[in-house]
Amino acid sequence: MLGRMSNGASATYAQSPVTRKKWRARSYVSLVLFIVATLLTPIAVIGHWGHETIANPEQYINTVGPLAENPEIQQAVADTVSDAIIEKVDTSRLPRSVDTYQRACAEGLHRSTHRRSDRPGAIRG
């Protein structure tokens, strides 16, 4: 016959393999797994978005392309690139006068243009 315990539970329940201690351990493990899943879900969503948007070149261009037409962004990029060039270039090796630099650029452009126009199939004006 089932004996009654003081809290109303039966003696059979108290002797069963599923006791309160095991249930508590399972509860803590479940809680920890729930917290881990809750913390990892936003990372997974951002990763999925990144894979679908950034890893896909066409979608990336459709998303970021309009930014190139924004004058503020163009100016920010120009400033950043100019600052990086000025920081990295050794100005002591540059020509001292602008005229010398202009002549060197013009000669290089002239030679490059003549080389390309001498190729077979080049369009002549």
PDB file of N, CA and C in Angstrom:
ATOM      1  N   MET A   1       0.824  -1.158   0.000  1.00  0.00           N
ATOM      2  CA  MET A   1       0.000   0.000   0.000  1.00  0.00           C
ATOM      3  C   MET A   1       0.880   1.237   0.000  1.00  0.00           C
ATOM      4  N   LEU A   2       0.421   2.283  -0.675  1.00  0.00           N
ATOM      5  CA  LEU A   2       1.187   3.520  -0.777  1.00  0.00           C
ATOM      6  C   LEU A   2       1.063   4.317   0.508  1.00  0.00           C
ATOM      7  N   GLY A   3       2.197   4.607   1.058  1.00  0.00           N
ATOM      8  CA  GLY A   3       2.180   5.422   2.270  1.00  0.00           C
ATOM      9  C   GLY A   3       2.215   6.903   1.899  1.00  0.00           C
ATOM     10  N   ARG A   4       1.626   7.715   2.694  1.00  0.00           N
ATOM     11  CA  ARG A   4       1.596   9.150   2.424  1.00  0.00           C
ATOM     12  C   ARG A   4       2.714   9.824   3.205  1.00  0.00           C
ATOM     13  N   MET A   5       3.423  10.721   2.515  1.00  0.00           N
ATOM     14  CA  MET A   5       4.457  11.485   3.196  1.00  0.00           C
ATOM     15  C   MET A   5       3.818  12.743   3.763  1.00  0.00           C
ATOM     16  N   SER A   6       4.580  13.449   4.588  1.00  0.00           N
ATOM     17  CA  SER A   6       4.015  14.608   5.255  1.00  0.00           C
ATOM     18  C   SER A   6       3.635  15.714   4.261  1.00  0.00           C
ATOM     19  N   ASN A   7       4.330  15.806   3.121  1.00  0.00           N
ATOM     20  CA  ASN A   7       3.985  16.842   2.154  1.00  0.00           C
ATOM     21  C   ASN A   7       2.963  16.364   1.131  1.00  0.00           C
ATOM     22  N   GLY A   8       2.477  15.148   1.275  1.00  0.00           N
ATOM     23  CA  GLY A   8       1.441  14.647   0.401  1.00  0.00           C
ATOM     24  C   GLY A   8       1.954  13.780  -0.737  1.00  0.00           C
ATOM     25  N   ALA A   9       3.255  13.666  -0.930  1.00  0.00           N
ATOM     26  CA  ALA A   9       3.791  12.827  -2.002  1.00  0.00           C
ATOM     27  C   ALA A   9       3.828  11.393  -1.531  1.00  0.00           C
ATOM     28  N   SER A  10       3.711  10.499  -2.462  1.00  0.00           N
ATOM     29  CA  SER A  10       3.711   9.093  -2.094  1.00  0.00           C
ATOM     30  C   SER A  10       5.133   8.593  -1.917  1.00  0.00           C
ATOM     31  N   ALA A  11       5.275   7.517  -1.186  1.00  0.00           N
ATOM     32  CA  ALA A  11       6.593   6.924  -0.949  1.00  0.00           C
ATOM     33  C   ALA A  11       7.157   6.387  -2.259  1.00  0.00           C
ATOM     34  N   THR A  12       6.289   5.952  -3.155  1.00  0.00           N
ATOM     35  CA  THR A  12       6.740   5.437  -4.449  1.00  0.00           C
ATOM     36  C   THR A  12       7.412   6.552  -5.249  1.00  0.00           C
ATOM     37  N   TYR A  13       6.854   7.734  -5.213  1.00  0.00           N
ATOM     38  CA  TYR A  13       7.444   8.868  -5.939  1.00  0.00           C
ATOM     39  C   TYR A  13       8.808   9.199  -5.354  1.00  0.00           C
ATOM     40  N   ALA A  14       8.922   9.134  -4.041  1.00  0.00           N
ATOM     41  CA  ALA A  14      10.186   9.462  -3.398  1.00  0.00           C
ATOM     42  C   ALA A  14      11.258   8.447  -3.754  1.00  0.00           C
ATOM     43  N   GLN A  15      10.892   7.207  -4.064  1.00  0.00           N
ATOM     44  CA  GLN A  15      11.851   6.168  -4.411  1.00  0.00           C
ATOM     45  C   GLN A  15      12.071   6.041  -5.912  1.00  0.00           C
ATOM     46  N   SER A  16      11.333   6.751  -6.707  1.00  0.00           N
ATOM     47  CA  SER A  16      11.457   6.613  -8.168  1.00  0.00           C
ATOM     48  C   SER A  16      12.818   7.135  -8.633  1.00  0.00           C
ATOM     49  N   PRO A  17      13.279   6.687  -9.818  1.00  0.00           N
ATOM     50  CA  PRO A  17      14.577   7.132 -10.319  1.00  0.00           C
ATOM     51  C   PRO A  17      14.608   8.621 -10.662  1.00  0.00           C
ATOM     52  N   VAL A  18      13.464   9.222 -10.908  1.00  0.00           N
ATOM     53  CA  VAL A  18      13.423  10.645 -11.209  1.00  0.00           C
ATOM     54  C   VAL A  18      13.151  11.370  -9.896  1.00  0.00           C
ATOM     55  N   THR A  19      14.182  11.900  -9.322  1.00  0.00           N
ATOM     56  CA  THR A  19      14.021  12.604  -8.053  1.00  0.00           C
ATOM     57  C   THR A  19      14.171  14.099  -8.298  1.00  0.00           C
ATOM     58  N   ARG A  20      13.925  14.869  -7.255  1.00  0.00           N
ATOM     59  CA  ARG A  20      14.002  16.319  -7.374  1.00  0.00           C
ATOM     60  C   ARG A  20      15.424  16.776  -7.704  1.00  0.00           C
ATOM     61  N   LYS A  21      16.448  16.097  -7.225  1.00  0.00           N
ATOM     62  CA  LYS A  21      17.813  16.482  -7.502  1.00  0.00           C
ATOM     63  C   LYS A  21      18.117  16.365  -8.996  1.00  0.00           C
ATOM     64  N   LYS A  22      17.688  15.276  -9.608  1.00  0.00           N
ATOM     65  CA  LYS A  22      17.914  15.126 -11.047  1.00  0.00           C
ATOM     66  C   LYS A  22      17.099  16.156 -11.814  1.00  0.00           C
ATOM     67  N   TRP A  23      15.925  16.414 -11.374  1.00  0.00           N
ATOM     68  CA  TRP A  23      15.108  17.413 -12.070  1.00  0.00           C
ATOM     69  C   TRP A  23      15.747  18.786 -11.954  1.00  0.00           C
ATOM     70  N   ARG A  24      16.327  19.106 -10.830  1.00  0.00           N
ATOM     71  CA  ARG A  24      16.995  20.386 -10.664  1.00  0.00           C
ATOM     72  C   ARG A  24      18.197  20.489 -11.601  1.00  0.00           C
ATOM     73  N   ALA A  25      18.963  19.430 -11.708  1.00  0.00           N
ATOM     74  CA  ALA A  25      20.122  19.436 -12.597  1.00  0.00           C
ATOM     75  C   ALA A  25      19.655  19.638 -14.040  1.00  0.00           C
ATOM     76  N   ARG A  26      18.608  18.958 -14.435  1.00  0.00           N
ATOM     77  CA  ARG A  26      18.079  19.123 -15.796  1.00  0.00           C
ATOM     78  C   ARG A  26      17.553  20.539 -16.002  1.00  0.00           C
ATOM     79  N   SER A  27      16.949  21.088 -14.979  1.00  0.00           N
ATOM     80  CA  SER A  27      16.432  22.453 -15.086  1.00  0.00           C
ATOM     81  C   SER A  27      17.564  23.444 -15.299  1.00  0.00           C
ATOM     82  N   TYR A  28      18.656  23.272 -14.571  1.00  0.00           N
ATOM     83  CA  TYR A  28      19.784  24.180 -14.729  1.00  0.00           C
ATOM     84  C   TYR A  28      20.418  24.042 -16.117  1.00  0.00           C
ATOM     85  N   VAL A  29      20.545  22.808 -16.577  1.00  0.00           N
ATOM     86  CA  VAL A  29      21.102  22.585 -17.925  1.00  0.00           C
ATOM     87  C   VAL A  29      20.178  23.206 -18.974  1.00  0.00           C
ATOM     88  N   SER A  30      18.891  23.042 -18.810  1.00  0.00           N
ATOM     89  CA  SER A  30      17.935  23.639 -19.747  1.00  0.00           C
ATOM     90  C   SER A  30      18.036  25.161 -19.731  1.00  0.00           C
ATOM     91  N   LEU A  31      18.167  25.731 -18.552  1.00  0.00           N
ATOM     92  CA  LEU A  31      18.287  27.178 -18.434  1.00  0.00           C
ATOM     93  C   LEU A  31      19.560  27.669 -19.124  1.00  0.00           C
ATOM     94  N   VAL A  32      20.661  26.986 -18.897  1.00  0.00           N
ATOM     95  CA  VAL A  32      21.918  27.379 -19.530  1.00  0.00           C
ATOM     96  C   VAL A  32      21.809  27.277 -21.054  1.00  0.00           C
ATOM     97  N   LEU A  33      21.240  26.200 -21.550  1.00  0.00           N
ATOM     98  CA  LEU A  33      21.070  26.048 -22.996  1.00  0.00           C
ATOM     99  C   LEU A  33      20.156  27.123 -23.579  1.00  0.00           C
ATOM    100  N   PHE A  34      19.116  27.474 -22.845  1.00  0.00           N
ATOM    101  CA  PHE A  34      18.216  28.538 -23.299  1.00  0.00           C
ATOM    102  C   PHE A  34      18.953  29.869 -23.382  1.00  0.00           C
ATOM    103  N   ILE A  35      19.764  30.172 -22.369  1.00  0.00           N
ATOM    104  CA  ILE A  35      20.525  31.429 -22.374  1.00  0.00           C
ATOM    105  C   ILE A  35      21.529  31.448 -23.526  1.00  0.00           C
ATOM    106  N   VAL A  36      22.217  30.342 -23.747  1.00  0.00           N
ATOM    107  CA  VAL A  36      23.181  30.273 -24.860  1.00  0.00           C
ATOM    108  C   VAL A  36      22.461  30.476 -26.191  1.00  0.00           C
ATOM    109  N   ALA A  37      21.327  29.819 -26.369  1.00  0.00           N
ATOM    110  CA  ALA A  37      20.572  29.981 -27.607  1.00  0.00           C
ATOM    111  C   ALA A  37      20.094  31.417 -27.783  1.00  0.00           C
ATOM    112  N   THR A  38      19.677  32.047 -26.682  1.00  0.00           N
ATOM    113  CA  THR A  38      19.219  33.430 -26.749  1.00  0.00           C
ATOM    114  C   THR A  38      20.361  34.364 -27.126  1.00  0.00           C
ATOM    115  N   LEU A  39      21.553  34.109 -26.619  1.00  0.00           N
ATOM    116  CA  LEU A  39      22.702  34.953 -26.943  1.00  0.00           C
ATOM    117  C   LEU A  39      23.212  34.719 -28.371  1.00  0.00           C
ATOM    118  N   LEU A  40      23.102  33.498 -28.867  1.00  0.00           N
ATOM    119  CA  LEU A  40      23.629  33.187 -30.196  1.00  0.00           C
ATOM    120  C   LEU A  40      22.656  33.523 -31.328  1.00  0.00           C
ATOM    121  N   THR A  41      21.391  33.670 -31.026  1.00  0.00           N
ATOM    122  CA  THR A  41      20.413  33.955 -32.076  1.00  0.00           C
ATOM    123  C   THR A  41      20.697  35.256 -32.819  1.00  0.00           C
ATOM    124  N   PRO A  42      20.974  36.387 -32.158  1.00  0.00           N
ATOM    125  CA  PRO A  42      21.277  37.608 -32.916  1.00  0.00           C
ATOM    126  C   PRO A  42      22.528  37.466 -33.788  1.00  0.00           C
ATOM    127  N   ILE A  43      23.522  36.744 -33.284  1.00  0.00           N
ATOM    128  CA  ILE A  43      24.735  36.529 -34.076  1.00  0.00           C
ATOM    129  C   ILE A  43      24.414  35.715 -35.321  1.00  0.00           C
ATOM    130  N   ALA A  44      23.574  34.708 -35.170  1.00  0.00           N
ATOM    131  CA  ALA A  44      23.192  33.887 -36.315  1.00  0.00           C
ATOM    132  C   ALA A  44      22.391  34.693 -37.328  1.00  0.00           C
ATOM    133  N   VAL A  45      21.513  35.560 -36.853  1.00  0.00           N
ATOM    134  CA  VAL A  45      20.712  36.389 -37.768  1.00  0.00           C
ATOM    135  C   VAL A  45      21.616  37.351 -38.531  1.00  0.00           C
ATOM    136  N   ILE A  46      22.555  37.986 -37.839  1.00  0.00           N
ATOM    137  CA  ILE A  46      23.479  38.906 -38.505  1.00  0.00           C
ATOM    138  C   ILE A  46      24.362  38.144 -39.489  1.00  0.00           C
ATOM    139  N   GLY A  47      24.809  36.965 -39.122  1.00  0.00           N
ATOM    140  CA  GLY A  47      25.612  36.147 -40.025  1.00  0.00           C
ATOM    141  C   GLY A  47      24.843  35.759 -41.275  1.00  0.00           C
ATOM    142  N   HIS A  48      23.594  35.403 -41.108  1.00  0.00           N
ATOM    143  CA  HIS A  48      22.760  35.054 -42.265  1.00  0.00           C
ATOM    144  C   HIS A  48      22.561  36.274 -43.162  1.00  0.00           C
ATOM    145  N   TRP A  49      22.275  37.423 -42.560  1.00  0.00           N
ATOM    146  CA  TRP A  49      22.117  38.650 -43.350  1.00  0.00           C
ATOM    147  C   TRP A  49      23.401  38.967 -44.109  1.00  0.00           C
ATOM    148  N   GLY A  50      24.539  38.857 -43.428  1.00  0.00           N
ATOM    149  CA  GLY A  50      25.813  39.133 -44.073  1.00  0.00           C
ATOM    150  C   GLY A  50      26.086  38.188 -45.223  1.00  0.00           C
ATOM    151  N   HIS A  51      25.757  36.931 -45.028  1.00  0.00           N
ATOM    152  CA  HIS A  51      25.965  35.956 -46.099  1.00  0.00           C
ATOM    153  C   HIS A  51      25.078  36.265 -47.298  1.00  0.00           C
ATOM    154  N   GLU A  52      23.848  36.620 -47.043  1.00  0.00           N
ATOM    155  CA  GLU A  52      22.917  36.896 -48.137  1.00  0.00           C
ATOM    156  C   GLU A  52      23.171  38.247 -48.801  1.00  0.00           C
ATOM    157  N   THR A  53      23.680  39.223 -48.068  1.00  0.00           N
ATOM    158  CA  THR A  53      23.847  40.573 -48.600  1.00  0.00           C
ATOM    159  C   THR A  53      25.266  40.847 -49.070  1.00  0.00           C
ATOM    160  N   ILE A  54      26.229  40.600 -48.234  1.00  0.00           N
ATOM    161  CA  ILE A  54      27.601  40.979 -48.544  1.00  0.00           C
ATOM    162  C   ILE A  54      28.304  39.916 -49.387  1.00  0.00           C
ATOM    163  N   ALA A  55      28.056  38.658 -49.128  1.00  0.00           N
ATOM    164  CA  ALA A  55      28.718  37.599 -49.890  1.00  0.00           C
ATOM    165  C   ALA A  55      28.168  37.503 -51.317  1.00  0.00           C
ATOM    166  N   ASN A  56      26.986  38.017 -51.551  1.00  0.00           N
ATOM    167  CA  ASN A  56      26.390  38.022 -52.881  1.00  0.00           C
ATOM    168  C   ASN A  56      26.778  39.339 -53.559  1.00  0.00           C
ATOM    169  N   PRO A  57      27.676  39.317 -54.564  1.00  0.00           N
ATOM    170  CA  PRO A  57      28.172  40.574 -55.151  1.00  0.00           C
ATOM    171  C   PRO A  57      27.067  41.457 -55.734  1.00  0.00           C
ATOM    172  N   GLU A  58      26.104  40.873 -56.399  1.00  0.00           N
ATOM    173  CA  GLU A  58      25.039  41.690 -56.999  1.00  0.00           C
ATOM    174  C   GLU A  58      24.223  42.388 -55.923  1.00  0.00           C
ATOM    175  N   GLN A  59      23.880  41.666 -54.871  1.00  0.00           N
ATOM    176  CA  GLN A  59      23.100  42.260 -53.789  1.00  0.00           C
ATOM    177  C   GLN A  59      23.918  43.332 -53.070  1.00  0.00           C
ATOM    178  N   TYR A  60      25.226  43.084 -52.902  1.00  0.00           N
ATOM    179  CA  TYR A  60      26.092  44.070 -52.249  1.00  0.00           C
ATOM    180  C   TYR A  60      26.133  45.363 -53.065  1.00  0.00           C
ATOM    181  N   ILE A  61      26.274  45.242 -54.372  1.00  0.00           N
ATOM    182  CA  ILE A  61      26.311  46.430 -55.231  1.00  0.00           C
ATOM    183  C   ILE A  61      24.973  47.163 -55.185  1.00  0.00           C
ATOM    184  N   ASN A  62      23.875  46.417 -55.194  1.00  0.00           N
ATOM    185  CA  ASN A  62      22.556  47.052 -55.105  1.00  0.00           C
ATOM    186  C   ASN A  62      22.371  47.775 -53.773  1.00  0.00           C
ATOM    187  N   THR A  63      22.976  47.241 -52.708  1.00  0.00           N
ATOM    188  CA  THR A  63      22.833  47.845 -51.383  1.00  0.00           C
ATOM    189  C   THR A  63      23.744  49.049 -51.209  1.00  0.00           C
ATOM    190  N   VAL A  64      25.001  48.930 -51.621  1.00  0.00           N
ATOM    191  CA  VAL A  64      26.001  49.956 -51.349  1.00  0.00           C
ATOM    192  C   VAL A  64      26.177  50.919 -52.521  1.00  0.00           C
ATOM    193  N   GLY A  65      25.782  50.515 -53.705  1.00  0.00           N
ATOM    194  CA  GLY A  65      25.983  51.321 -54.908  1.00  0.00           C
ATOM    195  C   GLY A  65      25.479  52.748 -54.824  1.00  0.00           C
ATOM    196  N   PRO A  66      24.272  52.984 -54.351  1.00  0.00           N
ATOM    197  CA  PRO A  66      23.774  54.358 -54.274  1.00  0.00           C
ATOM    198  C   PRO A  66      24.610  55.272 -53.382  1.00  0.00           C
ATOM    199  N   LEU A  67      25.384  54.710 -52.477  1.00  0.00           N
ATOM    200  CA  LEU A  67      26.216  55.543 -51.608  1.00  0.00           C
ATOM    201  C   LEU A  67      27.301  56.267 -52.397  1.00  0.00           C
ATOM    202  N   ALA A  68      27.755  55.676 -53.505  1.00  0.00           N
ATOM    203  CA  ALA A  68      28.819  56.297 -54.299  1.00  0.00           C
ATOM    204  C   ALA A  68      28.352  57.591 -54.947  1.00  0.00           C
ATOM    205  N   GLU A  69      27.069  57.787 -55.082  1.00  0.00           N
ATOM    206  CA  GLU A  69      26.541  59.005 -55.700  1.00  0.00           C
ATOM    207  C   GLU A  69      26.368  60.144 -54.690  1.00  0.00           C
ATOM    208  N   ASN A  70      26.522  59.868 -53.422  1.00  0.00           N
ATOM    209  CA  ASN A  70      26.347  60.863 -52.373  1.00  0.00           C
ATOM    210  C   ASN A  70      27.594  61.745 -52.292  1.00  0.00           C
ATOM    211  N   PRO A  71      27.473  63.066 -52.498  1.00  0.00           N
ATOM    212  CA  PRO A  71      28.644  63.948 -52.476  1.00  0.00           C
ATOM    213  C   PRO A  71      29.388  63.959 -51.137  1.00  0.00           C
ATOM    214  N   GLU A  72      28.670  63.811 -50.033  1.00  0.00           N
ATOM    215  CA  GLU A  72      29.329  63.786 -48.729  1.00  0.00           C
ATOM    216  C   GLU A  72      30.239  62.574 -48.589  1.00  0.00           C
ATOM    217  N   ILE A  73      29.772  61.435 -49.071  1.00  0.00           N
ATOM    218  CA  ILE A  73      30.577  60.218 -49.002  1.00  0.00           C
ATOM    219  C   ILE A  73      31.756  60.319 -49.963  1.00  0.00           C
ATOM    220  N   GLN A  74      31.544  60.880 -51.146  1.00  0.00           N
ATOM    221  CA  GLN A  74      32.652  61.075 -52.083  1.00  0.00           C
ATOM    222  C   GLN A  74      33.736  61.941 -51.452  1.00  0.00           C
ATOM    223  N   GLN A  75      33.338  63.017 -50.776  1.00  0.00           N
ATOM    224  CA  GLN A  75      34.310  63.900 -50.139  1.00  0.00           C
ATOM    225  C   GLN A  75      35.039  63.190 -49.003  1.00  0.00           C
ATOM    226  N   ALA A  76      34.311  62.395 -48.218  1.00  0.00           N
ATOM    227  CA  ALA A  76      34.934  61.660 -47.115  1.00  0.00           C
ATOM    228  C   ALA A  76      35.959  60.656 -47.633  1.00  0.00           C
ATOM    229  N   VAL A  77      35.625  59.961 -48.717  1.00  0.00           N
ATOM    230  CA  VAL A  77      36.564  59.004 -49.304  1.00  0.00           C
ATOM    231  C   VAL A  77      37.776  59.734 -49.856  1.00  0.00           C
ATOM    232  N   ALA A  78      37.550  60.846 -50.558  1.00  0.00           N
ATOM    233  CA  ALA A  78      38.663  61.624 -51.113  1.00  0.00           C
ATOM    234  C   ALA A  78      39.580  62.129 -50.006  1.00  0.00           C
ATOM    235  N   ASP A  79      39.007  62.617 -48.914  1.00  0.00           N
ATOM    236  CA  ASP A  79      39.820  63.100 -47.799  1.00  0.00           C
ATOM    237  C   ASP A  79      40.635  61.972 -47.170  1.00  0.00           C
ATOM    238  N   THR A  80      40.007  60.835 -46.978  1.00  0.00           N
ATOM    239  CA  THR A  80      40.697  59.699 -46.369  1.00  0.00           C
ATOM    240  C   THR A  80      41.843  59.220 -47.245  1.00  0.00           C
ATOM    241  N   VAL A  81      41.588  59.091 -48.554  1.00  0.00           N
ATOM    242  CA  VAL A  81      42.632  58.631 -49.473  1.00  0.00           C
ATOM    243  C   VAL A  81      43.760  59.658 -49.548  1.00  0.00           C
ATOM    244  N   SER A  82      43.418  60.925 -49.639  1.00  0.00           N
ATOM    245  CA  SER A  82      44.441  61.976 -49.700  1.00  0.00           C
ATOM    246  C   SER A  82      45.305  61.983 -48.443  1.00  0.00           C
ATOM    247  N   ASP A  83      44.676  61.867 -47.289  1.00  0.00           N
ATOM    248  CA  ASP A  83      45.435  61.846 -46.040  1.00  0.00           C
ATOM    249  C   ASP A  83      46.372  60.643 -45.992  1.00  0.00           C
ATOM    250  N   ALA A  84      45.887  59.491 -46.449  1.00  0.00           N
ATOM    251  CA  ALA A  84      46.725  58.284 -46.433  1.00  0.00           C
ATOM    252  C   ALA A  84      47.902  58.425 -47.391  1.00  0.00           C
ATOM    253  N   ILE A  85      47.672  59.007 -48.564  1.00  0.00           N
ATOM    254  CA  ILE A  85      48.757  59.196 -49.533  1.00  0.00           C
ATOM    255  C   ILE A  85      49.786  60.173 -48.980  1.00  0.00           C
ATOM    256  N   ILE A  86      49.331  61.270 -48.427  1.00  0.00           N
ATOM    257  CA  ILE A  86      50.252  62.274 -47.885  1.00  0.00           C
ATOM    258  C   ILE A  86      51.069  61.681 -46.735  1.00  0.00           C
ATOM    259  N   GLU A  87      50.445  60.827 -45.944  1.00  0.00           N
ATOM    260  CA  GLU A  87      51.148  60.216 -44.822  1.00  0.00           C
ATOM    261  C   GLU A  87      52.207  59.219 -45.289  1.00  0.00           C
ATOM    262  N   LYS A  88      51.938  58.488 -46.355  1.00  0.00           N
ATOM    263  CA  LYS A  88      52.833  57.414 -46.790  1.00  0.00           C
ATOM    264  C   LYS A  88      53.890  57.852 -47.803  1.00  0.00           C
ATOM    265  N   VAL A  89      53.649  58.900 -48.570  1.00  0.00           N
ATOM    266  CA  VAL A  89      54.561  59.302 -49.635  1.00  0.00           C
ATOM    267  C   VAL A  89      55.705  60.126 -49.059  1.00  0.00           C
ATOM    268  N   ASP A  90      56.910  59.796 -49.503  1.00  0.00           N
ATOM    269  CA  ASP A  90      58.092  60.545 -49.102  1.00  0.00           C
ATOM    270  C   ASP A  90      58.195  61.770 -50.007  1.00  0.00           C
ATOM    271  N   THR A  91      57.820  62.923 -49.473  1.00  0.00           N
ATOM    272  CA  THR A  91      57.769  64.138 -50.302  1.00  0.00           C
ATOM    273  C   THR A  91      59.149  64.676 -50.642  1.00  0.00           C
ATOM    274  N   SER A  92      60.187  64.204 -49.980  1.00  0.00           N
ATOM    275  CA  SER A  92      61.529  64.693 -50.296  1.00  0.00           C
ATOM    276  C   SER A  92      61.999  64.192 -51.665  1.00  0.00           C
ATOM    277  N   ARG A  93      61.392  63.139 -52.170  1.00  0.00           N
ATOM    278  CA  ARG A  93      61.786  62.599 -53.465  1.00  0.00           C
ATOM    279  C   ARG A  93      60.947  63.148 -54.612  1.00  0.00           C
ATOM    280  N   LEU A  94      59.954  63.949 -54.318  1.00  0.00           N
ATOM    281  CA  LEU A  94      59.126  64.535 -55.369  1.00  0.00           C
ATOM    282  C   LEU A  94      59.882  65.692 -56.023  1.00  0.00           C
ATOM    283  N   PRO A  95      59.563  65.998 -57.304  1.00  0.00           N
ATOM    284  CA  PRO A  95      60.212  67.139 -57.974  1.00  0.00           C
ATOM    285  C   PRO A  95      59.955  68.427 -57.193  1.00  0.00           C
ATOM    286  N   ARG A  96      60.927  69.320 -57.210  1.00  0.00           N
ATOM    287  CA  ARG A  96      60.832  70.557 -56.438  1.00  0.00           C
ATOM    288  C   ARG A  96      59.833  71.548 -57.027  1.00  0.00           C
ATOM    289  N   SER A  97      59.720  71.578 -58.335  1.00  0.00           N
ATOM    290  CA  SER A  97      58.800  72.554 -58.918  1.00  0.00           C
ATOM    291  C   SER A  97      57.635  71.851 -59.589  1.00  0.00           C
ATOM    292  N   VAL A  98      56.536  72.558 -59.675  1.00  0.00           N
ATOM    293  CA  VAL A  98      55.349  72.012 -60.319  1.00  0.00           C
ATOM    294  C   VAL A  98      55.588  71.858 -61.816  1.00  0.00           C
ATOM    295  N   ASP A  99      56.345  72.754 -62.417  1.00  0.00           N
ATOM    296  CA  ASP A  99      56.620  72.670 -63.850  1.00  0.00           C
ATOM    297  C   ASP A  99      57.339  71.374 -64.198  1.00  0.00           C
ATOM    298  N   THR A 100      58.316  71.000 -63.397  1.00  0.00           N
ATOM    299  CA  THR A 100      59.043  69.755 -63.645  1.00  0.00           C
ATOM    300  C   THR A 100      58.092  68.572 -63.552  1.00  0.00           C
ATOM    301  N   TYR A 101      57.250  68.585 -62.560  1.00  0.00           N
ATOM    302  CA  TYR A 101      56.281  67.509 -62.380  1.00  0.00           C
ATOM    303  C   TYR A 101      55.293  67.469 -63.533  1.00  0.00           C
ATOM    304  N   GLN A 102      54.821  68.644 -63.977  1.00  0.00           N
ATOM    305  CA  GLN A 102      53.881  68.706 -65.100  1.00  0.00           C
ATOM    306  C   GLN A 102      54.527  68.153 -66.362  1.00  0.00           C
ATOM    307  N   ARG A 103      55.768  68.555 -66.628  1.00  0.00           N
ATOM    308  CA  ARG A 103      56.458  68.077 -67.822  1.00  0.00           C
ATOM    309  C   ARG A 103      56.623  66.556 -67.785  1.00  0.00           C
ATOM    310  N   ALA A 104      57.006  66.016 -66.628  1.00  0.00           N
ATOM    311  CA  ALA A 104      57.195  64.568 -66.510  1.00  0.00           C
ATOM    312  C   ALA A 104      55.876  63.832 -66.752  1.00  0.00           C
ATOM    313  N   CYS A 105      54.797  64.350 -66.229  1.00  0.00           N
ATOM    314  CA  CYS A 105      53.478  63.723 -66.447  1.00  0.00           C
ATOM    315  C   CYS A 105      53.071  63.818 -67.912  1.00  0.00           C
ATOM    316  N   ALA A 106      53.275  64.960 -68.514  1.00  0.00           N
ATOM    317  CA  ALA A 106      52.892  65.147 -69.917  1.00  0.00           C
ATOM    318  C   ALA A 106      53.695  64.225 -70.830  1.00  0.00           C
ATOM    319  N   GLU A 107      54.987  64.084 -70.561  1.00  0.00           N
ATOM    320  CA  GLU A 107      55.807  63.199 -71.386  1.00  0.00           C
ATOM    321  C   GLU A 107      55.359  61.744 -71.232  1.00  0.00           C
ATOM    322  N   GLY A 108      55.082  61.334 -70.016  1.00  0.00           N
ATOM    323  CA  GLY A 108      54.615  59.965 -69.789  1.00  0.00           C
ATOM    324  C   GLY A 108      53.283  59.707 -70.463  1.00  0.00           C
ATOM    325  N   LEU A 109      52.382  60.642 -70.384  1.00  0.00           N
ATOM    326  CA  LEU A 109      51.083  60.509 -71.045  1.00  0.00           C
ATOM    327  C   LEU A 109      51.242  60.473 -72.550  1.00  0.00           C
ATOM    328  N   HIS A 110      52.120  61.319 -73.079  1.00  0.00           N
ATOM    329  CA  HIS A 110      52.366  61.379 -74.523  1.00  0.00           C
ATOM    330  C   HIS A 110      52.934  60.030 -75.017  1.00  0.00           C
ATOM    331  N   ARG A 111      53.926  59.485 -74.297  1.00  0.00           N
ATOM    332  CA  ARG A 111      54.506  58.192 -74.687  1.00  0.00           C
ATOM    333  C   ARG A 111      53.467  57.088 -74.601  1.00  0.00           C
ATOM    334  N   SER A 112      52.677  57.071 -73.547  1.00  0.00           N
ATOM    335  CA  SER A 112      51.650  56.040 -73.387  1.00  0.00           C
ATOM    336  C   SER A 112      50.616  56.123 -74.498  1.00  0.00           C
ATOM    337  N   THR A 113      50.219  57.321 -74.865  1.00  0.00           N
ATOM    338  CA  THR A 113      49.230  57.506 -75.928  1.00  0.00           C
ATOM    339  C   THR A 113      49.782  57.041 -77.265  1.00  0.00           C
ATOM    340  N   HIS A 114      51.042  57.376 -77.567  1.00  0.00           N
ATOM    341  CA  HIS A 114      51.627  56.958 -78.838  1.00  0.00           C
ATOM    342  C   HIS A 114      51.813  55.458 -78.912  1.00  0.00           C
ATOM    343  N   ARG A 115      52.176  54.834 -77.808  1.00  0.00           N
ATOM    344  CA  ARG A 115      52.322  53.376 -77.811  1.00  0.00           C
ATOM    345  C   ARG A 115      50.990  52.709 -78.097  1.00  0.00           C
ATOM    346  N   ARG A 116      49.942  53.190 -77.520  1.00  0.00           N
ATOM    347  CA  ARG A 116      48.625  52.571 -77.737  1.00  0.00           C
ATOM    348  C   ARG A 116      48.098  52.839 -79.133  1.00  0.00           C
ATOM    349  N   SER A 117      48.395  54.001 -79.680  1.00  0.00           N
ATOM    350  CA  SER A 117      47.878  54.295 -81.023  1.00  0.00           C
ATOM    351  C   SER A 117      48.649  53.555 -82.099  1.00  0.00           C
ATOM    352  N   ASP A 118      49.832  53.039 -81.781  1.00  0.00           N
ATOM    353  CA  ASP A 118      50.615  52.263 -82.763  1.00  0.00           C
ATOM    354  C   ASP A 118      50.170  50.807 -82.812  1.00  0.00           C
ATOM    355  N   ARG A 119      49.359  50.380 -81.913  1.00  0.00           N
ATOM    356  CA  ARG A 119      48.911  48.983 -81.908  1.00  0.00           C
ATOM    357  C   ARG A 119      47.961  48.737 -83.074  1.00  0.00           C
ATOM    358  N   PRO A 120      47.982  47.493 -83.592  1.00  0.00           N
ATOM    359  CA  PRO A 120      47.036  47.161 -84.657  1.00  0.00           C
ATOM    360  C   PRO A 120      45.614  47.236 -84.138  1.00  0.00           C
ATOM    361  N   GLY A 121      44.734  47.792 -84.928  1.00  0.00           N
ATOM    362  CA  GLY A 121      43.322  47.887 -84.564  1.00  0.00           C
ATOM    363  C   GLY A 121      42.996  49.083 -83.709  1.00  0.00           C
ATOM    364  N   ALA A 122      43.979  49.959 -83.459  1.00  0.00           N
ATOM    365  CA  ALA A 122      43.701  51.155 -82.655  1.00  0.00           C
ATOM    366  C   ALA A 122      42.867  52.127 -83.462  1.00  0.00           C
ATOM    367  N   ILE A 123      42.012  52.819 -82.786  1.00  0.00           N
ATOM    368  CA  ILE A 123      41.156  53.798 -83.456  1.00  0.00           C
ATOM    369  C   ILE A 123      41.948  55.076 -83.630  1.00  0.00           C
ATOM    370  N   ARG A 124      41.985  55.551 -84.857  1.00  0.00           N
ATOM    371  CA  ARG A 124      42.725  56.769 -85.133  1.00  0.00           C
ATOM    372  C   ARG A 124      41.722  57.862 -85.438  1.00  0.00           C
ATOM    373  N   GLY A 125      42.001  59.033 -84.913  1.00  0.00           N
ATOM    374  CA  GLY A 125      41.065  60.148 -85.065  1.00  0.00           C
ATOM    375  C   GLY A 125      41.331  61.054 -86.185  1.00  0.00           C
TER     376      GLY A 125
END
